[in-house]
């Protein structure tokens, strides 16, 4: 396998993290909504935690994008 092909393959595999981060954010907010509908009085206390979890998941997705860009343009 050529080095150029391996570089593109590695960058493509690194980009999978972005899709998985999107799935994670959907899972976080879906579970939050499910819990909020079951117990509306506790929803206000957990709303900030849902945003923190979503921010962490998105941060990992952006980190995955940075790794893919480094593999494409630096290495």
Protein backbone atom coordinates (compact mmCIF):
# COMPACT_ATOMS: atom_id res chain seq x y z
CA UNK A 1 0.00 0.00 0.00
CA UNK A 2 1.28 3.44 -0.85
CA UNK A 3 1.90 5.97 1.90
CA UNK A 4 -0.59 8.40 0.35
CA UNK A 5 -3.34 5.80 0.37
CA UNK A 6 -2.60 4.89 3.97
CA UNK A 7 -2.76 8.57 4.92
CA UNK A 8 -6.22 8.93 3.38
CA UNK A 9 -7.39 5.71 4.98
CA UNK A 10 -6.21 6.87 8.42
CA UNK A 11 -7.89 10.25 7.99
CA UNK A 12 -11.14 8.59 6.97
CA UNK A 13 -11.04 6.32 10.01
CA UNK A 14 -10.36 9.34 12.23
CA UNK A 15 -13.45 11.05 10.79
CA UNK A 16 -15.64 8.24 12.11
CA UNK A 17 -15.37 9.91 15.50
CA UNK A 18 -17.34 12.90 14.22
CA UNK A 19 -20.30 10.72 13.28
CA UNK A 20 -20.10 8.87 16.57
CA UNK A 21 -20.08 12.20 18.42
CA UNK A 22 -23.31 13.13 16.66
CA UNK A 23 -24.84 9.83 17.72
CA UNK A 24 -23.66 10.49 21.28
CA UNK A 25 -25.25 13.94 21.39
CA UNK A 26 -28.52 12.52 20.09
CA UNK A 27 -28.38 9.81 22.72
CA UNK A 28 -27.73 12.34 25.50
CA UNK A 29 -30.63 14.58 24.59
CA UNK A 30 -32.95 11.67 23.83
CA UNK A 31 -32.36 10.19 27.25
CA UNK A 32 -32.71 13.62 28.86
CA UNK A 33 -36.05 14.16 27.14
CA UNK A 34 -37.24 10.71 28.14
CA UNK A 35 -36.30 11.35 31.77
CA UNK A 36 -37.80 14.84 31.73
CA UNK A 37 -41.11 13.50 30.49
CA UNK A 38 -41.17 10.87 33.23
CA UNK A 39 -40.22 13.26 36.03
CA UNK A 40 -40.74 16.91 35.03
CA UNK A 41 -39.82 18.28 38.46
CA UNK A 42 -36.26 16.91 38.17
CA UNK A 43 -35.74 18.14 34.60
CA UNK A 44 -34.54 21.61 35.62
CA UNK A 45 -31.77 20.18 37.78
CA UNK A 46 -30.46 17.95 35.01
CA UNK A 47 -30.65 20.41 32.12
CA UNK A 48 -27.15 21.84 32.71
CA UNK A 49 -25.70 18.34 32.95
CA UNK A 50 -27.20 17.47 29.58
CA UNK A 51 -25.50 20.48 28.02
CA UNK A 52 -22.18 19.60 29.66
CA UNK A 53 -22.41 16.06 28.28
CA UNK A 54 -23.28 17.36 24.83
CA UNK A 55 -20.37 19.80 24.93
CA UNK A 56 -17.96 17.04 25.88
CA UNK A 57 -19.25 14.80 23.10
CA UNK A 58 -18.95 17.61 20.55
CA UNK A 59 -15.47 18.39 21.83
CA UNK A 60 -14.41 14.83 21.13
CA UNK A 61 -15.92 15.10 17.64
CA UNK A 62 -13.94 18.28 16.95
CA UNK A 63 -10.80 16.60 18.30
CA UNK A 64 -11.44 13.77 15.84
CA UNK A 65 -11.68 16.30 13.01
CA UNK A 66 -8.39 17.90 14.08
CA UNK A 67 -6.69 14.50 14.10
CA UNK A 68 -7.99 13.81 10.59
CA UNK A 69 -6.77 17.18 9.33
CA UNK A 70 -3.36 16.66 10.91
CA UNK A 71 -3.12 13.27 9.24
CA UNK A 72 -4.02 14.81 5.87
CA UNK A 73 -1.93 17.94 5.85
CA UNK A 74 0.92 17.59 8.34
CA UNK A 75 2.04 13.98 8.20
